[in-house]
Amino acid sequence: MNKILKICKNGHKFFKSSDCPVCPECEKNSKPKTGFLSTLSAPAKRALESNNIVTISVLSKYSEAEILKLHGIGKASIPTLRAALAAVGRKFKS
């Protein structure tokens, strides 16, 4: 695949072979250091953030099936999310 040079709004240069506009440098800088979002892959984190699911309390208002429908969330993210919920005595909506 041919990689295309892209430049993000912050001036970082990077190569991508897809249409994905995400800058790897900006993504690395935006990753939380703590909390449940810090344990997820970048696509899963973006999927939750873009749907305003940024706290455990909000996450617990969704079912696993609803979360899996979000673009960027895969089956591998569910055990991590389940564990984060369980750590504070919560679970996904039934």
PDB file of N, CA and C in Angstrom:
ATOM      1  N   MET A   1       0.839  -1.191   0.000  1.00  0.00           N
ATOM      2  CA  MET A   1       0.000   0.000   0.000  1.00  0.00           C
ATOM      3  C   MET A   1       0.878   1.247   0.000  1.00  0.00           C
ATOM      4  N   ASN A   2       0.435   2.225  -0.712  1.00  0.00           N
ATOM      5  CA  ASN A   2       1.145   3.502  -0.740  1.00  0.00           C
ATOM      6  C   ASN A   2       0.711   4.341   0.445  1.00  0.00           C
ATOM      7  N   LYS A   3       1.686   4.846   1.157  1.00  0.00           N
ATOM      8  CA  LYS A   3       1.378   5.716   2.288  1.00  0.00           C
ATOM      9  C   LYS A   3       1.444   7.158   1.836  1.00  0.00           C
ATOM     10  N   ILE A   4       0.514   7.934   2.327  1.00  0.00           N
ATOM     11  CA  ILE A   4       0.395   9.339   1.949  1.00  0.00           C
ATOM     12  C   ILE A   4       0.844  10.205   3.116  1.00  0.00           C
ATOM     13  N   LEU A   5       1.679  11.192   2.817  1.00  0.00           N
ATOM     14  CA  LEU A   5       2.105  12.144   3.836  1.00  0.00           C
ATOM     15  C   LEU A   5       0.922  13.028   4.203  1.00  0.00           C
ATOM     16  N   LYS A   6       0.649  13.113   5.489  1.00  0.00           N
ATOM     17  CA  LYS A   6      -0.423  13.968   5.989  1.00  0.00           C
ATOM     18  C   LYS A   6       0.156  14.886   7.046  1.00  0.00           C
ATOM     19  N   ILE A   7      -0.495  16.011   7.235  1.00  0.00           N
ATOM     20  CA  ILE A   7      -0.093  16.967   8.265  1.00  0.00           C
ATOM     21  C   ILE A   7      -1.333  17.320   9.071  1.00  0.00           C
ATOM     22  N   CYS A   8      -1.265  17.133  10.383  1.00  0.00           N
ATOM     23  CA  CYS A   8      -2.429  17.423  11.228  1.00  0.00           C
ATOM     24  C   CYS A   8      -2.522  18.919  11.498  1.00  0.00           C
ATOM     25  N   LYS A   9      -3.591  19.315  12.152  1.00  0.00           N
ATOM     26  CA  LYS A   9      -3.827  20.727  12.452  1.00  0.00           C
ATOM     27  C   LYS A   9      -2.766  21.313  13.386  1.00  0.00           C
ATOM     28  N   ASN A  10      -2.041  20.426  14.084  1.00  0.00           N
ATOM     29  CA  ASN A  10      -0.970  20.880  14.980  1.00  0.00           C
ATOM     30  C   ASN A  10       0.399  20.878  14.306  1.00  0.00           C
ATOM     31  N   GLY A  11       0.419  20.528  13.020  1.00  0.00           N
ATOM     32  CA  GLY A  11       1.657  20.562  12.256  1.00  0.00           C
ATOM     33  C   GLY A  11       2.484  19.292  12.274  1.00  0.00           C
ATOM     34  N   HIS A  12       1.983  18.226  12.908  1.00  0.00           N
ATOM     35  CA  HIS A  12       2.713  16.960  12.929  1.00  0.00           C
ATOM     36  C   HIS A  12       2.608  16.308  11.558  1.00  0.00           C
ATOM     37  N   LYS A  13       3.716  15.788  11.068  1.00  0.00           N
ATOM     38  CA  LYS A  13       3.728  15.078   9.789  1.00  0.00           C
ATOM     39  C   LYS A  13       3.703  13.581  10.067  1.00  0.00           C
ATOM     40  N   PHE A  14       2.881  12.853   9.309  1.00  0.00           N
ATOM     41  CA  PHE A  14       2.779  11.414   9.470  1.00  0.00           C
ATOM     42  C   PHE A  14       2.315  10.794   8.162  1.00  0.00           C
ATOM     43  N   PHE A  15       2.560   9.511   8.008  1.00  0.00           N
ATOM     44  CA  PHE A  15       2.155   8.794   6.806  1.00  0.00           C
ATOM     45  C   PHE A  15       1.028   7.837   7.145  1.00  0.00           C
ATOM     46  N   LYS A  16       0.030   7.768   6.266  1.00  0.00           N
ATOM     47  CA  LYS A  16      -1.094   6.844   6.433  1.00  0.00           C
ATOM     48  C   LYS A  16      -1.421   6.222   5.081  1.00  0.00           C
ATOM     49  N   SER A  17      -1.812   4.970   5.090  1.00  0.00           N
ATOM     50  CA  SER A  17      -2.235   4.305   3.862  1.00  0.00           C
ATOM     51  C   SER A  17      -3.758   4.272   3.752  1.00  0.00           C
ATOM     52  N   SER A  18      -4.423   4.761   4.791  1.00  0.00           N
ATOM     53  CA  SER A  18      -5.887   4.783   4.786  1.00  0.00           C
ATOM     54  C   SER A  18      -6.385   6.222   4.823  1.00  0.00           C
ATOM     55  N   ASP A  19      -7.696   6.379   4.819  1.00  0.00           N
ATOM     56  CA  ASP A  19      -8.293   7.710   4.910  1.00  0.00           C
ATOM     57  C   ASP A  19      -8.370   8.219   6.345  1.00  0.00           C
ATOM     58  N   CYS A  20      -7.914   7.424   7.275  1.00  0.00           N
ATOM     59  CA  CYS A  20      -7.982   7.800   8.683  1.00  0.00           C
ATOM     60  C   CYS A  20      -7.218   9.107   8.918  1.00  0.00           C
ATOM     61  N   PRO A  21      -7.898  10.121   9.452  1.00  0.00           N
ATOM     62  CA  PRO A  21      -7.248  11.415   9.651  1.00  0.00           C
ATOM     63  C   PRO A  21      -6.519  11.561  10.991  1.00  0.00           C
ATOM     64  N   VAL A  22      -6.520  10.524  11.810  1.00  0.00           N
ATOM     65  CA  VAL A  22      -5.974  10.627  13.162  1.00  0.00           C
ATOM     66  C   VAL A  22      -4.456  10.698  13.125  1.00  0.00           C
ATOM     67  N   CYS A  23      -3.939  11.724  13.751  1.00  0.00           N
ATOM     68  CA  CYS A  23      -2.495  11.921  13.867  1.00  0.00           C
ATOM     69  C   CYS A  23      -1.981  11.060  15.018  1.00  0.00           C
ATOM     70  N   PRO A  24      -1.007  10.194  14.769  1.00  0.00           N
ATOM     71  CA  PRO A  24      -0.487   9.339  15.842  1.00  0.00           C
ATOM     72  C   PRO A  24       0.118  10.136  17.001  1.00  0.00           C
ATOM     73  N   GLU A  25       0.770  11.232  16.711  1.00  0.00           N
ATOM     74  CA  GLU A  25       1.395  12.047  17.755  1.00  0.00           C
ATOM     75  C   GLU A  25       0.333  12.708  18.632  1.00  0.00           C
ATOM     76  N   CYS A  26      -0.678  13.294  18.002  1.00  0.00           N
ATOM     77  CA  CYS A  26      -1.759  13.919  18.770  1.00  0.00           C
ATOM     78  C   CYS A  26      -2.511  12.876  19.592  1.00  0.00           C
ATOM     79  N   GLU A  27      -2.710  11.700  19.020  1.00  0.00           N
ATOM     80  CA  GLU A  27      -3.411  10.622  19.717  1.00  0.00           C
ATOM     81  C   GLU A  27      -2.628  10.195  20.954  1.00  0.00           C
ATOM     82  N   LYS A  28      -1.327  10.072  20.811  1.00  0.00           N
ATOM     83  CA  LYS A  28      -0.476   9.682  21.937  1.00  0.00           C
ATOM     84  C   LYS A  28      -0.544  10.738  23.040  1.00  0.00           C
ATOM     85  N   ASN A  29      -0.544  11.995  22.651  1.00  0.00           N
ATOM     86  CA  ASN A  29      -0.578  13.085  23.630  1.00  0.00           C
ATOM     87  C   ASN A  29      -1.925  13.222  24.318  1.00  0.00           C
ATOM     88  N   SER A  30      -2.991  12.716  23.690  1.00  0.00           N
ATOM     89  CA  SER A  30      -4.326  12.857  24.276  1.00  0.00           C
ATOM     90  C   SER A  30      -4.741  11.657  25.129  1.00  0.00           C
ATOM     91  N   LYS A  31      -3.917  10.615  25.138  1.00  0.00           N
ATOM     92  CA  LYS A  31      -4.275   9.414  25.914  1.00  0.00           C
ATOM     93  C   LYS A  31      -4.233   9.723  27.404  1.00  0.00           C
ATOM     94  N   PRO A  32      -5.327   9.441  28.115  1.00  0.00           N
ATOM     95  CA  PRO A  32      -5.358   9.681  29.558  1.00  0.00           C
ATOM     96  C   PRO A  32      -4.339   8.805  30.283  1.00  0.00           C
ATOM     97  N   LYS A  33      -3.804   9.313  31.361  1.00  0.00           N
ATOM     98  CA  LYS A  33      -2.824   8.563  32.163  1.00  0.00           C
ATOM     99  C   LYS A  33      -3.506   7.628  33.158  1.00  0.00           C
ATOM    100  N   THR A  34      -4.737   7.978  33.560  1.00  0.00           N
ATOM    101  CA  THR A  34      -5.469   7.170  34.530  1.00  0.00           C
ATOM    102  C   THR A  34      -6.923   7.038  34.086  1.00  0.00           C
ATOM    103  N   GLY A  35      -7.657   6.208  34.787  1.00  0.00           N
ATOM    104  CA  GLY A  35      -9.068   6.015  34.495  1.00  0.00           C
ATOM    105  C   GLY A  35      -9.294   4.923  33.469  1.00  0.00           C
ATOM    106  N   PHE A  36     -10.532   4.556  33.295  1.00  0.00           N
ATOM    107  CA  PHE A  36     -10.842   3.425  32.425  1.00  0.00           C
ATOM    108  C   PHE A  36     -10.517   3.691  30.967  1.00  0.00           C
ATOM    109  N   LEU A  37     -10.579   4.938  30.519  1.00  0.00           N
ATOM    110  CA  LEU A  37     -10.245   5.243  29.126  1.00  0.00           C
ATOM    111  C   LEU A  37      -8.765   4.996  28.840  1.00  0.00           C
ATOM    112  N   SER A  38      -7.932   5.076  29.855  1.00  0.00           N
ATOM    113  CA  SER A  38      -6.493   4.869  29.661  1.00  0.00           C
ATOM    114  C   SER A  38      -6.154   3.414  29.358  1.00  0.00           C
ATOM    115  N   THR A  39      -7.087   2.503  29.631  1.00  0.00           N
ATOM    116  CA  THR A  39      -6.827   1.073  29.433  1.00  0.00           C
ATOM    117  C   THR A  39      -7.282   0.580  28.065  1.00  0.00           C
ATOM    118  N   LEU A  40      -7.895   1.447  27.289  1.00  0.00           N
ATOM    119  CA  LEU A  40      -8.471   1.048  26.005  1.00  0.00           C
ATOM    120  C   LEU A  40      -7.576   1.396  24.827  1.00  0.00           C
ATOM    121  N   SER A  41      -7.831   0.731  23.709  1.00  0.00           N
ATOM    122  CA  SER A  41      -7.138   1.072  22.469  1.00  0.00           C
ATOM    123  C   SER A  41      -7.605   2.459  22.019  1.00  0.00           C
ATOM    124  N   ALA A  42      -6.830   3.080  21.166  1.00  0.00           N
ATOM    125  CA  ALA A  42      -7.172   4.417  20.678  1.00  0.00           C
ATOM    126  C   ALA A  42      -8.537   4.445  19.977  1.00  0.00           C
ATOM    127  N   PRO A  43      -8.856   3.483  19.095  1.00  0.00           N
ATOM    128  CA  PRO A  43     -10.180   3.518  18.448  1.00  0.00           C
ATOM    129  C   PRO A  43     -11.331   3.375  19.450  1.00  0.00           C
ATOM    130  N   ALA A  44     -11.146   2.510  20.444  1.00  0.00           N
ATOM    131  CA  ALA A  44     -12.201   2.317  21.446  1.00  0.00           C
ATOM    132  C   ALA A  44     -12.369   3.580  22.285  1.00  0.00           C
ATOM    133  N   LYS A  45     -11.263   4.190  22.666  1.00  0.00           N
ATOM    134  CA  LYS A  45     -11.315   5.423  23.450  1.00  0.00           C
ATOM    135  C   LYS A  45     -12.026   6.522  22.659  1.00  0.00           C
ATOM    136  N   ARG A  46     -11.677   6.673  21.396  1.00  0.00           N
ATOM    137  CA  ARG A  46     -12.326   7.691  20.557  1.00  0.00           C
ATOM    138  C   ARG A  46     -13.820   7.414  20.395  1.00  0.00           C
ATOM    139  N   ALA A  47     -14.180   6.135  20.257  1.00  0.00           N
ATOM    140  CA  ALA A  47     -15.594   5.776  20.098  1.00  0.00           C
ATOM    141  C   ALA A  47     -16.402   6.204  21.316  1.00  0.00           C
ATOM    142  N   LEU A  48     -15.877   5.951  22.491  1.00  0.00           N
ATOM    143  CA  LEU A  48     -16.583   6.333  23.713  1.00  0.00           C
ATOM    144  C   LEU A  48     -16.613   7.848  23.869  1.00  0.00           C
ATOM    145  N   GLU A  49     -15.468   8.493  23.667  1.00  0.00           N
ATOM    146  CA  GLU A  49     -15.404   9.948  23.816  1.00  0.00           C
ATOM    147  C   GLU A  49     -16.340  10.661  22.843  1.00  0.00           C
ATOM    148  N   SER A  50     -16.405  10.172  21.613  1.00  0.00           N
ATOM    149  CA  SER A  50     -17.263  10.834  20.625  1.00  0.00           C
ATOM    150  C   SER A  50     -18.744  10.670  20.945  1.00  0.00           C
ATOM    151  N   ASN A  51     -19.054   9.737  21.835  1.00  0.00           N
ATOM    152  CA  ASN A  51     -20.435   9.543  22.281  1.00  0.00           C
ATOM    153  C   ASN A  51     -20.635  10.032  23.715  1.00  0.00           C
ATOM    154  N   ASN A  52     -19.699  10.846  24.187  1.00  0.00           N
ATOM    155  CA  ASN A  52     -19.753  11.438  25.533  1.00  0.00           C
ATOM    156  C   ASN A  52     -19.828  10.403  26.653  1.00  0.00           C
ATOM    157  N   ILE A  53     -19.198   9.262  26.432  1.00  0.00           N
ATOM    158  CA  ILE A  53     -19.124   8.218  27.462  1.00  0.00           C
ATOM    159  C   ILE A  53     -17.720   8.302  28.055  1.00  0.00           C
ATOM    160  N   VAL A  54     -17.570   9.210  29.007  1.00  0.00           N
ATOM    161  CA  VAL A  54     -16.239   9.465  29.547  1.00  0.00           C
ATOM    162  C   VAL A  54     -16.126   9.198  31.050  1.00  0.00           C
ATOM    163  N   THR A  55     -17.211   8.741  31.647  1.00  0.00           N
ATOM    164  CA  THR A  55     -17.171   8.363  33.063  1.00  0.00           C
ATOM    165  C   THR A  55     -17.770   6.973  33.227  1.00  0.00           C
ATOM    166  N   ILE A  56     -17.400   6.315  34.297  1.00  0.00           N
ATOM    167  CA  ILE A  56     -17.960   4.994  34.602  1.00  0.00           C
ATOM    168  C   ILE A  56     -19.471   5.096  34.792  1.00  0.00           C
ATOM    169  N   SER A  57     -19.913   6.163  35.418  1.00  0.00           N
ATOM    170  CA  SER A  57     -21.335   6.366  35.653  1.00  0.00           C
ATOM    171  C   SER A  57     -22.121   6.384  34.338  1.00  0.00           C
ATOM    172  N   VAL A  58     -21.609   7.091  33.370  1.00  0.00           N
ATOM    173  CA  VAL A  58     -22.282   7.151  32.066  1.00  0.00           C
ATOM    174  C   VAL A  58     -22.177   5.807  31.356  1.00  0.00           C
ATOM    175  N   LEU A  59     -21.010   5.171  31.427  1.00  0.00           N
ATOM    176  CA  LEU A  59     -20.824   3.858  30.796  1.00  0.00           C
ATOM    177  C   LEU A  59     -21.846   2.852  31.313  1.00  0.00           C
ATOM    178  N   SER A  60     -22.136   2.893  32.600  1.00  0.00           N
ATOM    179  CA  SER A  60     -23.059   1.924  33.202  1.00  0.00           C
ATOM    180  C   SER A  60     -24.501   2.094  32.725  1.00  0.00           C
ATOM    181  N   LYS A  61     -24.791   3.169  32.031  1.00  0.00           N
ATOM    182  CA  LYS A  61     -26.134   3.401  31.501  1.00  0.00           C
ATOM    183  C   LYS A  61     -26.353   2.711  30.156  1.00  0.00           C
ATOM    184  N   TYR A  62     -25.307   2.063  29.643  1.00  0.00           N
ATOM    185  CA  TYR A  62     -25.374   1.381  28.352  1.00  0.00           C
ATOM    186  C   TYR A  62     -25.262  -0.122  28.537  1.00  0.00           C
ATOM    187  N   SER A  63     -25.872  -0.870  27.635  1.00  0.00           N
ATOM    188  CA  SER A  63     -25.713  -2.328  27.633  1.00  0.00           C
ATOM    189  C   SER A  63     -24.464  -2.674  26.831  1.00  0.00           C
ATOM    190  N   GLU A  64     -23.975  -3.880  27.008  1.00  0.00           N
ATOM    191  CA  GLU A  64     -22.825  -4.329  26.221  1.00  0.00           C
ATOM    192  C   GLU A  64     -23.143  -4.259  24.734  1.00  0.00           C
ATOM    193  N   ALA A  65     -24.352  -4.651  24.366  1.00  0.00           N
ATOM    194  CA  ALA A  65     -24.747  -4.642  22.954  1.00  0.00           C
ATOM    195  C   ALA A  65     -24.707  -3.222  22.383  1.00  0.00           C
ATOM    196  N   GLU A  66     -25.154  -2.254  23.165  1.00  0.00           N
ATOM    197  CA  GLU A  66     -25.127  -0.862  22.698  1.00  0.00           C
ATOM    198  C   GLU A  66     -23.696  -0.374  22.503  1.00  0.00           C
ATOM    199  N   ILE A  67     -22.821  -0.736  23.431  1.00  0.00           N
ATOM    200  CA  ILE A  67     -21.417  -0.322  23.338  1.00  0.00           C
ATOM    201  C   ILE A  67     -20.758  -0.983  22.128  1.00  0.00           C
ATOM    202  N   LEU A  68     -21.060  -2.258  21.891  1.00  0.00           N
ATOM    203  CA  LEU A  68     -20.475  -2.964  20.753  1.00  0.00           C
ATOM    204  C   LEU A  68     -20.905  -2.387  19.406  1.00  0.00           C
ATOM    205  N   LYS A  69     -22.004  -1.690  19.362  1.00  0.00           N
ATOM    206  CA  LYS A  69     -22.474  -1.083  18.109  1.00  0.00           C
ATOM    207  C   LYS A  69     -21.669   0.160  17.725  1.00  0.00           C
ATOM    208  N   LEU A  70     -20.905   0.706  18.677  1.00  0.00           N
ATOM    209  CA  LEU A  70     -20.133   1.913  18.395  1.00  0.00           C
ATOM    210  C   LEU A  70     -18.943   1.575  17.506  1.00  0.00           C
ATOM    211  N   HIS A  71     -18.748   2.376  16.477  1.00  0.00           N
ATOM    212  CA  HIS A  71     -17.617   2.177  15.578  1.00  0.00           C
ATOM    213  C   HIS A  71     -16.323   2.414  16.355  1.00  0.00           C
ATOM    214  N   GLY A  72     -15.458   1.405  16.372  1.00  0.00           N
ATOM    215  CA  GLY A  72     -14.205   1.506  17.104  1.00  0.00           C
ATOM    216  C   GLY A  72     -14.151   0.592  18.316  1.00  0.00           C
ATOM    217  N   ILE A  73     -15.311   0.088  18.728  1.00  0.00           N
ATOM    218  CA  ILE A  73     -15.372  -0.832  19.868  1.00  0.00           C
ATOM    219  C   ILE A  73     -15.442  -2.254  19.332  1.00  0.00           C
ATOM    220  N   GLY A  74     -14.561  -3.088  19.828  1.00  0.00           N
ATOM    221  CA  GLY A  74     -14.580  -4.497  19.455  1.00  0.00           C
ATOM    222  C   GLY A  74     -14.825  -5.362  20.669  1.00  0.00           C
ATOM    223  N   LYS A  75     -14.981  -6.644  20.422  1.00  0.00           N
ATOM    224  CA  LYS A  75     -15.249  -7.583  21.514  1.00  0.00           C
ATOM    225  C   LYS A  75     -14.128  -7.594  22.554  1.00  0.00           C
ATOM    226  N   ALA A  76     -12.911  -7.287  22.138  1.00  0.00           N
ATOM    227  CA  ALA A  76     -11.778  -7.291  23.068  1.00  0.00           C
ATOM    228  C   ALA A  76     -11.884  -6.175  24.103  1.00  0.00           C
ATOM    229  N   SER A  77     -12.636  -5.133  23.811  1.00  0.00           N
ATOM    230  CA  SER A  77     -12.781  -4.021  24.757  1.00  0.00           C
ATOM    231  C   SER A  77     -13.762  -4.335  25.884  1.00  0.00           C
ATOM    232  N   ILE A  78     -14.682  -5.226  25.653  1.00  0.00           N
ATOM    233  CA  ILE A  78     -15.743  -5.492  26.630  1.00  0.00           C
ATOM    234  C   ILE A  78     -15.206  -6.016  27.964  1.00  0.00           C
ATOM    235  N   PRO A  79     -14.308  -6.999  27.996  1.00  0.00           N
ATOM    236  CA  PRO A  79     -13.795  -7.442  29.303  1.00  0.00           C
ATOM    237  C   PRO A  79     -13.099  -6.321  30.083  1.00  0.00           C
ATOM    238  N   THR A  80     -12.395  -5.464  29.388  1.00  0.00           N
ATOM    239  CA  THR A  80     -11.721  -4.334  30.034  1.00  0.00           C
ATOM    240  C   THR A  80     -12.752  -3.386  30.629  1.00  0.00           C
ATOM    241  N   LEU A  81     -13.805  -3.113  29.879  1.00  0.00           N
ATOM    242  CA  LEU A  81     -14.863  -2.228  30.367  1.00  0.00           C
ATOM    243  C   LEU A  81     -15.630  -2.871  31.522  1.00  0.00           C
ATOM    244  N   ARG A  82     -15.897  -4.172  31.408  1.00  0.00           N
ATOM    245  CA  ARG A  82     -16.580  -4.901  32.483  1.00  0.00           C
ATOM    246  C   ARG A  82     -15.777  -4.811  33.782  1.00  0.00           C
ATOM    247  N   ALA A  83     -14.458  -5.000  33.663  1.00  0.00           N
ATOM    248  CA  ALA A  83     -13.581  -4.949  34.838  1.00  0.00           C
ATOM    249  C   ALA A  83     -13.567  -3.547  35.451  1.00  0.00           C
ATOM    250  N   ALA A  84     -13.561  -2.525  34.606  1.00  0.00           N
ATOM    251  CA  ALA A  84     -13.578  -1.149  35.111  1.00  0.00           C
ATOM    252  C   ALA A  84     -14.874  -0.871  35.859  1.00  0.00           C
ATOM    253  N   LEU A  85     -15.975  -1.353  35.326  1.00  0.00           N
ATOM    254  CA  LEU A  85     -17.270  -1.187  35.998  1.00  0.00           C
ATOM    255  C   LEU A  85     -17.287  -1.951  37.327  1.00  0.00           C
ATOM    256  N   ALA A  86     -16.832  -3.194  37.298  1.00  0.00           N
ATOM    257  CA  ALA A  86     -16.839  -4.033  38.498  1.00  0.00           C
ATOM    258  C   ALA A  86     -15.960  -3.449  39.611  1.00  0.00           C
ATOM    259  N   ALA A  87     -14.887  -2.792  39.236  1.00  0.00           N
ATOM    260  CA  ALA A  87     -13.962  -2.216  40.208  1.00  0.00           C
ATOM    261  C   ALA A  87     -14.627  -1.155  41.086  1.00  0.00           C
ATOM    262  N   VAL A  88     -15.720  -0.582  40.581  1.00  0.00           N
ATOM    263  CA  VAL A  88     -16.453   0.431  41.366  1.00  0.00           C
ATOM    264  C   VAL A  88     -17.878  -0.045  41.685  1.00  0.00           C
ATOM    265  N   GLY A  89     -18.081  -1.351  41.604  1.00  0.00           N
ATOM    266  CA  GLY A  89     -19.364  -1.935  41.980  1.00  0.00           C
ATOM    267  C   GLY A  89     -20.498  -1.678  40.999  1.00  0.00           C
ATOM    268  N   ARG A  90     -20.170  -1.497  39.755  1.00  0.00           N
ATOM    269  CA  ARG A  90     -21.196  -1.260  38.724  1.00  0.00           C
ATOM    270  C   ARG A  90     -21.104  -2.334  37.658  1.00  0.00           C
ATOM    271  N   LYS A  91     -22.098  -2.318  36.771  1.00  0.00           N
ATOM    272  CA  LYS A  91     -22.084  -3.238  35.624  1.00  0.00           C
ATOM    273  C   LYS A  91     -22.841  -2.593  34.465  1.00  0.00           C
ATOM    274  N   PHE A  92     -22.757  -3.200  33.316  1.00  0.00           N
ATOM    275  CA  PHE A  92     -23.497  -2.709  32.166  1.00  0.00           C
ATOM    276  C   PHE A  92     -24.996  -2.822  32.418  1.00  0.00           C
ATOM    277  N   LYS A  93     -25.761  -1.957  31.779  1.00  0.00           N
ATOM    278  CA  LYS A  93     -27.213  -2.013  31.855  1.00  0.00           C
ATOM    279  C   LYS A  93     -27.665  -3.364  31.288  1.00  0.00           C
ATOM    280  N   SER A  94     -28.666  -3.932  31.903  1.00  0.00           N
ATOM    281  CA  SER A  94     -29.194  -5.227  31.443  1.00  0.00           C
ATOM    282  C   SER A  94     -30.112  -5.062  30.269  1.00  0.00           C
TER     283      SER A  94
END
